[in-house]
């Protein structure tokens, strides 16, 4: 899960279960209804 650090900054992490190649994908969008 991602954590809000404030000021539009976020951080997240994951722990791989094995030593191999992994893919990490991040998706974001603007919530225009909150403007």
Protein backbone atom coordinates (compact mmCIF):
# COMPACT_ATOMS: atom_id res chain seq x y z
CA UNK A 1 0.00 0.00 0.00
CA UNK A 2 0.98 3.63 -0.53
CA UNK A 3 1.31 6.16 2.31
CA UNK A 4 0.63 9.86 1.96
CA UNK A 5 3.65 11.93 3.04
CA UNK A 6 1.81 15.21 2.52
CA UNK A 7 2.25 17.90 -0.13
CA UNK A 8 1.35 15.45 -2.94
CA UNK A 9 4.21 13.06 -2.03
CA UNK A 10 3.61 9.34 -1.56
CA UNK A 11 5.76 6.33 -0.63
CA UNK A 12 5.21 2.60 -0.99
CA UNK A 13 7.21 -0.60 -0.71
CA UNK A 14 6.96 -4.30 -1.34
CA UNK A 15 9.02 -7.33 -0.28
CA UNK A 16 9.86 -9.82 -3.04
CA UNK A 17 9.34 -13.47 -2.13
CA UNK A 18 12.22 -14.70 -4.30
CA UNK A 19 15.40 -13.49 -5.98
CA UNK A 20 14.32 -12.92 -9.58
CA UNK A 21 13.08 -10.23 -11.94
CA UNK A 22 10.01 -8.34 -10.70
CA UNK A 23 7.69 -5.77 -12.27
CA UNK A 24 6.37 -2.82 -10.26
CA UNK A 25 3.61 -0.72 -11.81
CA UNK A 26 2.30 2.57 -10.49
CA UNK A 27 -0.95 4.07 -11.73
CA UNK A 28 -2.20 7.55 -10.84
CA UNK A 29 -4.94 9.93 -11.87
CA UNK A 30 -6.36 13.35 -10.99
CA UNK A 31 -9.56 13.48 -8.95
CA UNK A 32 -11.19 16.49 -10.57
CA UNK A 33 -14.26 16.39 -8.30
CA UNK A 34 -12.06 17.37 -5.32
CA UNK A 35 -10.86 20.61 -6.91
